[in-house]
């Protein structure tokens, strides 16, 4: 038997996977097969998310709907891309600054 792969999932992935079950009314087993994860793992995420939704309702809050979650994910991806761009620009700036001081005739 091949060794089992250990994977870790982000909180956003867990919530999104749980909402695939909650929002659509589909069976946990069906969505778990679709996502390629174990059914009991997804079942736990669904239970946790339903508890969070119930707790929010008690306090008069409402959870994000699917459009708001999609927008939040889009913004997080955009921020991650901008962080990559900033890191690249910092490296490029340091490189060009080092090259400037190594030029003949520079101070």
Protein backbone atom coordinates (compact mmCIF):
# COMPACT_ATOMS: atom_id res chain seq x y z
CA UNK A 1 0.00 0.00 0.00
CA UNK A 2 1.47 3.41 -0.95
CA UNK A 3 2.18 5.87 1.86
CA UNK A 4 -0.60 8.27 2.64
CA UNK A 5 -0.04 11.87 1.58
CA UNK A 6 -0.47 14.45 4.30
CA UNK A 7 -2.09 17.65 3.13
CA UNK A 8 -2.96 20.76 5.04
CA UNK A 9 -5.85 22.97 4.05
CA UNK A 10 -6.33 26.68 4.56
CA UNK A 11 -9.28 27.94 6.55
CA UNK A 12 -10.70 29.53 3.41
CA UNK A 13 -10.58 26.21 1.56
CA UNK A 14 -12.36 24.44 4.42
CA UNK A 15 -15.13 27.04 4.53
CA UNK A 16 -15.56 27.03 0.75
CA UNK A 17 -15.70 23.23 0.66
CA UNK A 18 -18.26 23.19 3.48
CA UNK A 19 -20.41 25.74 1.66
CA UNK A 20 -20.39 23.57 -1.46
CA UNK A 21 -22.39 21.13 0.64
CA UNK A 22 -24.45 23.63 2.66
CA UNK A 23 -25.43 25.98 -0.18
CA UNK A 24 -26.18 23.29 -2.75
CA UNK A 25 -27.85 20.75 -0.48
CA UNK A 26 -25.72 18.01 -2.05
CA UNK A 27 -24.48 15.03 -0.08
CA UNK A 28 -21.16 15.25 1.73
CA UNK A 29 -19.97 12.06 0.00
CA UNK A 30 -20.68 13.48 -3.46
CA UNK A 31 -18.80 16.73 -2.83
CA UNK A 32 -15.94 14.89 -1.11
CA UNK A 33 -15.46 12.69 -4.20
CA UNK A 34 -15.57 15.78 -6.40
CA UNK A 35 -12.87 17.50 -4.32
CA UNK A 36 -10.79 14.38 -3.82
CA UNK A 37 -10.86 14.50 -0.02
CA UNK A 38 -12.04 12.03 2.60
CA UNK A 39 -15.75 12.15 3.38
CA UNK A 40 -15.29 12.30 7.16
CA UNK A 41 -12.91 15.25 6.80
CA UNK A 42 -15.44 17.22 4.76
CA UNK A 43 -18.20 16.18 7.15
CA UNK A 44 -16.25 17.71 10.04
CA UNK A 45 -15.78 20.94 8.10
CA UNK A 46 -19.52 21.09 7.34
CA UNK A 47 -20.40 20.56 11.02
CA UNK A 48 -17.93 23.27 12.07
CA UNK A 49 -19.30 25.73 9.52
CA UNK A 50 -22.90 25.04 10.52
CA UNK A 51 -21.93 25.71 14.15
CA UNK A 52 -20.30 29.01 13.13
CA UNK A 53 -23.40 30.02 11.17
CA UNK A 54 -25.66 29.19 14.13
CA UNK A 55 -23.41 31.11 16.54
CA UNK A 56 -23.43 34.14 14.23
CA UNK A 57 -27.23 34.08 14.05
CA UNK A 58 -27.48 34.05 17.84
CA UNK A 59 -25.48 37.29 17.93
CA UNK A 60 -27.52 38.86 15.16
CA UNK A 61 -24.79 38.53 12.53
CA UNK A 62 -25.10 36.89 9.18
CA UNK A 63 -22.34 34.91 7.46
CA UNK A 64 -20.98 35.91 4.08
CA UNK A 65 -23.05 34.75 1.14
CA UNK A 66 -21.43 32.96 -1.79
CA UNK A 67 -20.90 36.16 -3.82
CA UNK A 68 -19.23 37.88 -0.87
CA UNK A 69 -16.99 34.85 -0.25
CA UNK A 70 -16.01 34.81 -3.94
CA UNK A 71 -15.16 38.52 -3.79
CA UNK A 72 -13.12 37.98 -0.62
CA UNK A 73 -11.16 35.17 -2.29
CA UNK A 74 -10.56 37.34 -5.37
CA UNK A 75 -9.24 40.16 -3.21
CA UNK A 76 -6.97 37.78 -1.26
CA UNK A 77 -5.52 36.45 -4.53
CA UNK A 78 -4.98 40.02 -5.72
CA UNK A 79 -3.15 40.92 -2.50
CA UNK A 80 -1.00 37.80 -2.80
CA UNK A 81 -0.04 38.76 -6.36
CA UNK A 82 0.79 42.29 -5.25
CA UNK A 83 2.96 40.91 -2.45
CA UNK A 84 4.86 38.86 -5.04
CA UNK A 85 5.27 41.94 -7.24
CA UNK A 86 6.57 43.99 -4.30
CA UNK A 87 9.07 41.27 -3.35
CA UNK A 88 10.30 41.17 -6.95
CA UNK A 89 10.66 44.95 -7.10
CA UNK A 90 12.64 44.96 -3.84
CA UNK A 91 15.05 42.36 -5.23
CA UNK A 92 15.36 44.16 -8.54
CA UNK A 93 15.98 47.47 -6.77
CA UNK A 94 18.69 45.94 -4.61
CA UNK A 95 20.27 44.32 -7.67
CA UNK A 96 20.35 47.57 -9.65
CA UNK A 97 21.64 49.51 -6.65
CA UNK A 98 24.48 46.99 -6.29
CA UNK A 99 25.23 47.19 -10.00
CA UNK A 100 25.29 50.99 -9.83
CA UNK A 101 27.95 51.00 -7.09
CA UNK A 102 30.06 48.46 -9.05
CA UNK A 103 30.20 50.54 -12.23
CA UNK A 104 33.56 52.05 -13.15
CA UNK A 105 33.63 55.70 -12.21
CA UNK A 106 30.93 55.39 -9.55
CA UNK A 107 31.46 56.77 -6.10
